[in-house]
Amino acid sequence: MKDPAGNWIAEPPSYEPIVAEDKTLHNLNEYIEIRAGGISTNVGAELINDVSNKKLGVVINENQLEEFFSLVSR
């Protein structure tokens, strides 16, 4: 983080950054690129499977959230 003048508040950590198996340092840009157009339309077994198997998970709208968790808890 930076202070109001734009100076760093603390030095970076002394340890090396965490690196994924595929040598990726971060995937923030992939999450930033998620759009509402990717919202799943059906809450069901396929969506539950996608949560575990898709790299970034799934996008559901507010109305689907309760239905989704009721399926997962069964």
C-alpha atoms as a PDB file:
ATOM      1  CA  MET A   1       0.000   0.000   0.000  1.00  0.00           C
ATOM      2  CA  LYS A   2       1.001   3.581  -0.513  1.00  0.00           C
ATOM      3  CA  ASP A   3       0.513   6.616   1.682  1.00  0.00           C
ATOM      4  CA  PRO A   4      -1.342   9.729   0.442  1.00  0.00           C
ATOM      5  CA  ALA A   5       1.919  11.114  -0.995  1.00  0.00           C
ATOM      6  CA  GLY A   6       2.415   7.982  -3.112  1.00  0.00           C
ATOM      7  CA  ASN A   7       5.260   6.493  -1.059  1.00  0.00           C
ATOM      8  CA  TRP A   8       5.296   2.829  -0.116  1.00  0.00           C
ATOM      9  CA  ILE A   9       4.226   2.283   3.502  1.00  0.00           C
ATOM     10  CA  ALA A  10       6.391  -0.826   3.939  1.00  0.00           C
ATOM     11  CA  GLU A  11       9.181  -2.653   2.162  1.00  0.00           C
ATOM     12  CA  PRO A  12       8.177  -5.659   0.050  1.00  0.00           C
ATOM     13  CA  PRO A  13       8.448  -9.057   1.782  1.00  0.00           C
ATOM     14  CA  SER A  14      11.898 -10.640   1.911  1.00  0.00           C
ATOM     15  CA  TYR A  15      10.615 -13.962   0.548  1.00  0.00           C
ATOM     16  CA  GLU A  16      10.067 -14.854  -3.098  1.00  0.00           C
ATOM     17  CA  PRO A  17       6.536 -14.584  -4.526  1.00  0.00           C
ATOM     18  CA  ILE A  18       4.344 -17.679  -4.568  1.00  0.00           C
ATOM     19  CA  VAL A  19       4.476 -19.303  -8.005  1.00  0.00           C
ATOM     20  CA  ALA A  20       1.874 -21.745  -9.341  1.00  0.00           C
ATOM     21  CA  GLU A  21       2.767 -25.070 -10.937  1.00  0.00           C
ATOM     22  CA  ASP A  22       2.343 -23.467 -14.366  1.00  0.00           C
ATOM     23  CA  LYS A  23       4.830 -20.719 -13.335  1.00  0.00           C
ATOM     24  CA  THR A  24       2.078 -18.073 -13.035  1.00  0.00           C
ATOM     25  CA  LEU A  25       2.770 -15.372 -10.442  1.00  0.00           C
ATOM     26  CA  HIS A  26      -0.839 -14.183 -10.225  1.00  0.00           C
ATOM     27  CA  ASN A  27      -4.158 -14.497 -12.015  1.00  0.00           C
ATOM     28  CA  LEU A  28      -5.749 -11.219 -10.986  1.00  0.00           C
ATOM     29  CA  ASN A  29      -6.252 -10.140 -14.602  1.00  0.00           C
ATOM     30  CA  GLU A  30      -8.270 -13.300 -15.304  1.00  0.00           C
ATOM     31  CA  TYR A  31     -10.629 -12.444 -12.444  1.00  0.00           C
ATOM     32  CA  ILE A  32     -10.891  -8.820 -13.562  1.00  0.00           C
ATOM     33  CA  GLU A  33     -11.982 -10.029 -17.015  1.00  0.00           C
ATOM     34  CA  ILE A  34     -14.952 -12.011 -15.631  1.00  0.00           C
ATOM     35  CA  ARG A  35     -18.132 -10.386 -16.906  1.00  0.00           C
ATOM     36  CA  ALA A  36     -21.807 -10.649 -16.035  1.00  0.00           C
ATOM     37  CA  GLY A  37     -22.391 -12.233 -19.450  1.00  0.00           C
ATOM     38  CA  GLY A  38     -20.801 -15.373 -18.042  1.00  0.00           C
ATOM     39  CA  ILE A  39     -23.509 -15.885 -15.420  1.00  0.00           C
ATOM     40  CA  SER A  40     -24.741 -19.471 -15.338  1.00  0.00           C
ATOM     41  CA  THR A  41     -28.395 -19.858 -16.257  1.00  0.00           C
ATOM     42  CA  ASN A  42     -29.197 -23.192 -14.601  1.00  0.00           C
ATOM     43  CA  VAL A  43     -28.539 -24.063 -10.986  1.00  0.00           C
ATOM     44  CA  GLY A  44     -28.132 -27.821 -10.848  1.00  0.00           C
ATOM     45  CA  ALA A  45     -25.676 -30.706 -10.884  1.00  0.00           C
ATOM     46  CA  GLU A  46     -23.692 -29.267 -13.793  1.00  0.00           C
ATOM     47  CA  LEU A  47     -23.161 -25.979 -11.961  1.00  0.00           C
ATOM     48  CA  ILE A  48     -22.037 -27.783  -8.801  1.00  0.00           C
ATOM     49  CA  ASN A  49     -19.533 -29.738 -10.906  1.00  0.00           C
ATOM     50  CA  ASP A  50     -18.311 -26.547 -12.604  1.00  0.00           C
ATOM     51  CA  VAL A  51     -17.586 -24.913  -9.228  1.00  0.00           C
ATOM     52  CA  SER A  52     -14.974 -27.587  -8.566  1.00  0.00           C
ATOM     53  CA  ASN A  53     -13.632 -28.065 -12.067  1.00  0.00           C
ATOM     54  CA  LYS A  54     -13.494 -24.658 -13.737  1.00  0.00           C
ATOM     55  CA  LYS A  55     -10.292 -22.778 -13.044  1.00  0.00           C
ATOM     56  CA  LEU A  56     -11.996 -19.598 -11.844  1.00  0.00           C
ATOM     57  CA  GLY A  57     -15.207 -21.152 -10.540  1.00  0.00           C
ATOM     58  CA  VAL A  58     -18.581 -19.886 -11.728  1.00  0.00           C
ATOM     59  CA  VAL A  59     -20.569 -16.669 -11.725  1.00  0.00           C
ATOM     60  CA  ILE A  60     -24.131 -16.761 -10.418  1.00  0.00           C
ATOM     61  CA  ASN A  61     -26.532 -13.947  -9.747  1.00  0.00           C
ATOM     62  CA  GLU A  62     -27.952 -12.981  -6.378  1.00  0.00           C
ATOM     63  CA  ASN A  63     -31.210 -14.828  -6.961  1.00  0.00           C
ATOM     64  CA  GLN A  64     -29.385 -18.089  -7.718  1.00  0.00           C
ATOM     65  CA  LEU A  65     -27.174 -17.949  -4.639  1.00  0.00           C
ATOM     66  CA  GLU A  66     -29.662 -19.397  -2.133  1.00  0.00           C
ATOM     67  CA  GLU A  67     -30.753 -22.101  -4.565  1.00  0.00           C
ATOM     68  CA  PHE A  68     -27.131 -23.032  -5.238  1.00  0.00           C
ATOM     69  CA  PHE A  69     -26.256 -23.442  -1.555  1.00  0.00           C
ATOM     70  CA  SER A  70     -29.409 -25.459  -0.888  1.00  0.00           C
ATOM     71  CA  LEU A  71     -28.250 -27.949  -3.564  1.00  0.00           C
ATOM     72  CA  VAL A  72     -24.703 -28.140  -2.226  1.00  0.00           C
ATOM     73  CA  SER A  73     -25.822 -28.849   1.342  1.00  0.00           C
ATOM     74  CA  ARG A  74     -27.875 -31.940   0.382  1.00  0.00           C
END
